[in-house]
N, C-alpha and C. Protein backbone atom coordinates (compact mmCIF):
# COMPACT_ATOMS: atom_id res chain seq x y z
N UNK A 1 -16.90 -34.09 -88.52
CA UNK A 1 -17.22 -33.97 -87.26
C UNK A 1 -18.23 -35.16 -86.71
N UNK A 2 -17.84 -35.65 -85.53
CA UNK A 2 -19.09 -36.53 -85.18
C UNK A 2 -19.85 -35.94 -84.01
N UNK A 3 -20.85 -35.92 -83.78
CA UNK A 3 -21.71 -35.37 -82.77
C UNK A 3 -22.05 -36.40 -81.47
N UNK A 4 -21.66 -35.66 -80.35
CA UNK A 4 -21.67 -36.49 -79.32
C UNK A 4 -22.44 -35.79 -78.21
N UNK A 5 -23.41 -36.70 -77.48
CA UNK A 5 -24.64 -35.99 -76.55
C UNK A 5 -23.47 -35.85 -75.29
N UNK A 6 -23.69 -34.87 -74.77
CA UNK A 6 -23.21 -34.44 -73.34
C UNK A 6 -23.61 -35.38 -72.20
N UNK A 7 -22.97 -35.69 -71.34
CA UNK A 7 -23.37 -36.52 -70.24
C UNK A 7 -24.20 -35.66 -69.24
N UNK A 8 -25.14 -36.31 -68.91
CA UNK A 8 -26.32 -35.73 -67.94
C UNK A 8 -25.39 -34.97 -66.74
N UNK A 9 -25.99 -33.67 -66.45
CA UNK A 9 -25.34 -33.04 -64.93
C UNK A 9 -25.72 -33.52 -63.89
N UNK A 10 -24.94 -33.61 -62.68
CA UNK A 10 -25.21 -33.88 -61.51
C UNK A 10 -25.20 -32.59 -60.63
N UNK A 11 -26.15 -32.37 -59.65
CA UNK A 11 -26.26 -31.18 -59.27
C UNK A 11 -25.46 -31.34 -57.60
N UNK A 12 -24.43 -30.67 -57.16
CA UNK A 12 -23.86 -30.86 -55.91
C UNK A 12 -24.74 -30.04 -54.97
N UNK A 13 -25.47 -28.99 -55.28
CA UNK A 13 -26.29 -28.45 -54.52
C UNK A 13 -27.47 -27.68 -55.01
N UNK A 14 -28.50 -27.78 -54.25
CA UNK A 14 -29.75 -27.45 -54.75
C UNK A 14 -30.30 -26.39 -53.62
N UNK A 15 -30.82 -25.02 -54.12
CA UNK A 15 -31.07 -24.23 -53.11
C UNK A 15 -32.52 -24.34 -52.62
N UNK A 16 -32.53 -24.37 -51.47
CA UNK A 16 -34.12 -24.29 -50.86
C UNK A 16 -34.96 -23.20 -51.26
N UNK A 17 -34.44 -21.85 -51.49
CA UNK A 17 -34.99 -20.64 -51.80
C UNK A 17 -35.19 -20.56 -53.33
N UNK A 18 -36.22 -20.14 -53.57
CA UNK A 18 -36.70 -19.95 -55.08
C UNK A 18 -35.98 -18.71 -55.65
N UNK A 19 -35.06 -18.73 -56.76
CA UNK A 19 -34.60 -17.92 -57.45
C UNK A 19 -33.40 -17.55 -56.88
N UNK A 20 -32.87 -18.21 -56.08
CA UNK A 20 -31.31 -17.90 -55.40
C UNK A 20 -30.52 -18.94 -56.31
N UNK A 21 -29.60 -18.50 -56.73
CA UNK A 21 -28.16 -19.27 -57.45
C UNK A 21 -26.83 -18.80 -57.24
N UNK A 22 -26.02 -19.84 -57.33
CA UNK A 22 -24.85 -19.71 -57.33
C UNK A 22 -24.10 -18.43 -57.87
N UNK A 23 -23.19 -17.69 -57.37
CA UNK A 23 -22.46 -16.39 -58.08
C UNK A 23 -21.15 -16.42 -58.09
N UNK A 24 -20.70 -17.31 -57.55
CA UNK A 24 -18.91 -17.37 -57.00
C UNK A 24 -18.90 -18.00 -55.85
N UNK A 25 -17.58 -18.42 -55.83
CA UNK A 25 -16.99 -19.24 -54.83
C UNK A 25 -15.52 -19.05 -54.45
N UNK A 26 -15.49 -19.32 -53.39
CA UNK A 26 -13.80 -19.43 -53.01
C UNK A 26 -13.37 -20.73 -51.84
N UNK A 27 -12.21 -20.89 -51.82
CA UNK A 27 -12.06 -21.91 -50.76
C UNK A 27 -11.28 -21.03 -49.35
N UNK A 28 -11.66 -21.49 -48.33
CA UNK A 28 -11.07 -20.64 -46.78
C UNK A 28 -9.86 -21.49 -46.72
N UNK A 29 -9.27 -20.88 -45.75
CA UNK A 29 -7.73 -21.80 -45.21
C UNK A 29 -7.98 -22.87 -44.52
N UNK A 30 -9.19 -23.19 -44.26
CA UNK A 30 -9.64 -24.64 -43.61
C UNK A 30 -10.04 -25.71 -44.87
N UNK A 31 -9.91 -25.23 -46.02
CA UNK A 31 -10.38 -25.95 -47.14
C UNK A 31 -11.86 -26.19 -47.30
N UNK A 32 -12.42 -25.44 -46.76
CA UNK A 32 -14.20 -25.24 -47.12
C UNK A 32 -14.44 -24.53 -47.92
N UNK A 33 -15.39 -24.98 -49.13
CA UNK A 33 -15.49 -24.11 -49.97
C UNK A 33 -16.82 -23.09 -49.64
N UNK A 34 -16.68 -21.75 -50.02
CA UNK A 34 -17.62 -20.65 -49.56
C UNK A 34 -18.57 -20.43 -51.09
N UNK A 35 -19.91 -20.33 -51.27
CA UNK A 35 -20.53 -19.95 -52.45
C UNK A 35 -21.43 -18.95 -52.06
N UNK A 36 -21.10 -17.58 -52.88
CA UNK A 36 -21.94 -16.65 -53.05
C UNK A 36 -23.26 -16.68 -53.73
N UNK A 37 -24.35 -16.40 -53.10
CA UNK A 37 -25.47 -16.55 -53.72
C UNK A 37 -26.08 -15.25 -54.06
N UNK A 38 -26.30 -15.31 -55.69
CA UNK A 38 -27.36 -14.17 -56.24
C UNK A 38 -28.73 -13.94 -55.76
N UNK A 39 -28.98 -13.21 -55.59
CA UNK A 39 -30.36 -12.88 -54.89
C UNK A 39 -30.39 -13.63 -53.62
N UNK A 40 -29.68 -13.85 -53.19
CA UNK A 40 -29.73 -14.71 -51.52
C UNK A 40 -28.92 -13.71 -50.41
N UNK A 41 -28.51 -12.89 -50.93
CA UNK A 41 -27.65 -11.79 -50.01
C UNK A 41 -27.12 -12.48 -48.75
N UNK A 42 -26.40 -13.45 -49.35
CA UNK A 42 -25.26 -14.08 -48.23
C UNK A 42 -24.40 -15.22 -49.13
N UNK A 43 -23.35 -15.51 -48.22
CA UNK A 43 -22.43 -16.63 -48.87
C UNK A 43 -22.63 -17.78 -47.91
N UNK A 44 -22.42 -18.74 -48.41
CA UNK A 44 -22.59 -20.47 -47.41
C UNK A 44 -21.41 -20.94 -47.44
N UNK A 45 -21.16 -21.75 -46.45
CA UNK A 45 -20.10 -22.60 -46.39
C UNK A 45 -20.41 -23.96 -46.42
N UNK A 46 -19.61 -24.92 -47.27
CA UNK A 46 -20.10 -26.16 -47.28
C UNK A 46 -18.95 -27.21 -46.81
N UNK A 47 -19.27 -28.45 -46.28
CA UNK A 47 -18.06 -29.45 -45.94
C UNK A 47 -17.77 -30.00 -46.95
N UNK A 48 -16.51 -30.71 -46.96
CA UNK A 48 -15.86 -31.34 -48.01
C UNK A 48 -16.91 -32.51 -48.40
N UNK A 49 -17.80 -32.99 -47.79
CA UNK A 49 -18.85 -34.04 -48.12
C UNK A 49 -20.05 -33.45 -49.16
N UNK A 50 -19.89 -32.16 -49.34
CA UNK A 50 -21.01 -31.52 -49.96
C UNK A 50 -22.27 -31.34 -49.09
N UNK A 51 -22.07 -31.10 -47.91
CA UNK A 51 -23.27 -31.04 -47.09
C UNK A 51 -22.97 -29.67 -46.67
N UNK A 52 -24.14 -28.87 -46.20
CA UNK A 52 -23.98 -27.47 -45.98
C UNK A 52 -23.73 -27.52 -44.41
N UNK A 53 -22.75 -26.74 -43.96
CA UNK A 53 -22.07 -26.49 -42.95
C UNK A 53 -23.02 -25.49 -42.14
N UNK A 54 -23.58 -25.52 -41.18
CA UNK A 54 -24.22 -24.34 -40.61
C UNK A 54 -23.57 -23.14 -40.60
N UNK A 55 -23.20 -22.62 -41.09
CA UNK A 55 -22.37 -21.01 -41.38
C UNK A 55 -22.64 -20.37 -42.64
N UNK A 56 -23.15 -19.09 -42.14
CA UNK A 56 -23.42 -18.39 -43.36
C UNK A 56 -23.08 -16.85 -42.94
N UNK A 57 -22.78 -16.02 -44.09
CA UNK A 57 -22.66 -14.41 -43.79
C UNK A 57 -23.58 -13.70 -44.69
């Protein structure tokens, strides 16, 4: 077996809150992804360009 090094990871989102990590996601009827935040007590919606849309619950 040949060992290969995994490519470096690229982060699509970095939380501005310490200790907050993604914990689940879904796509809404408009095609926007929503991500539930563990220890963040919220879900946030992103645009297709991977920018935060000012909407959270």
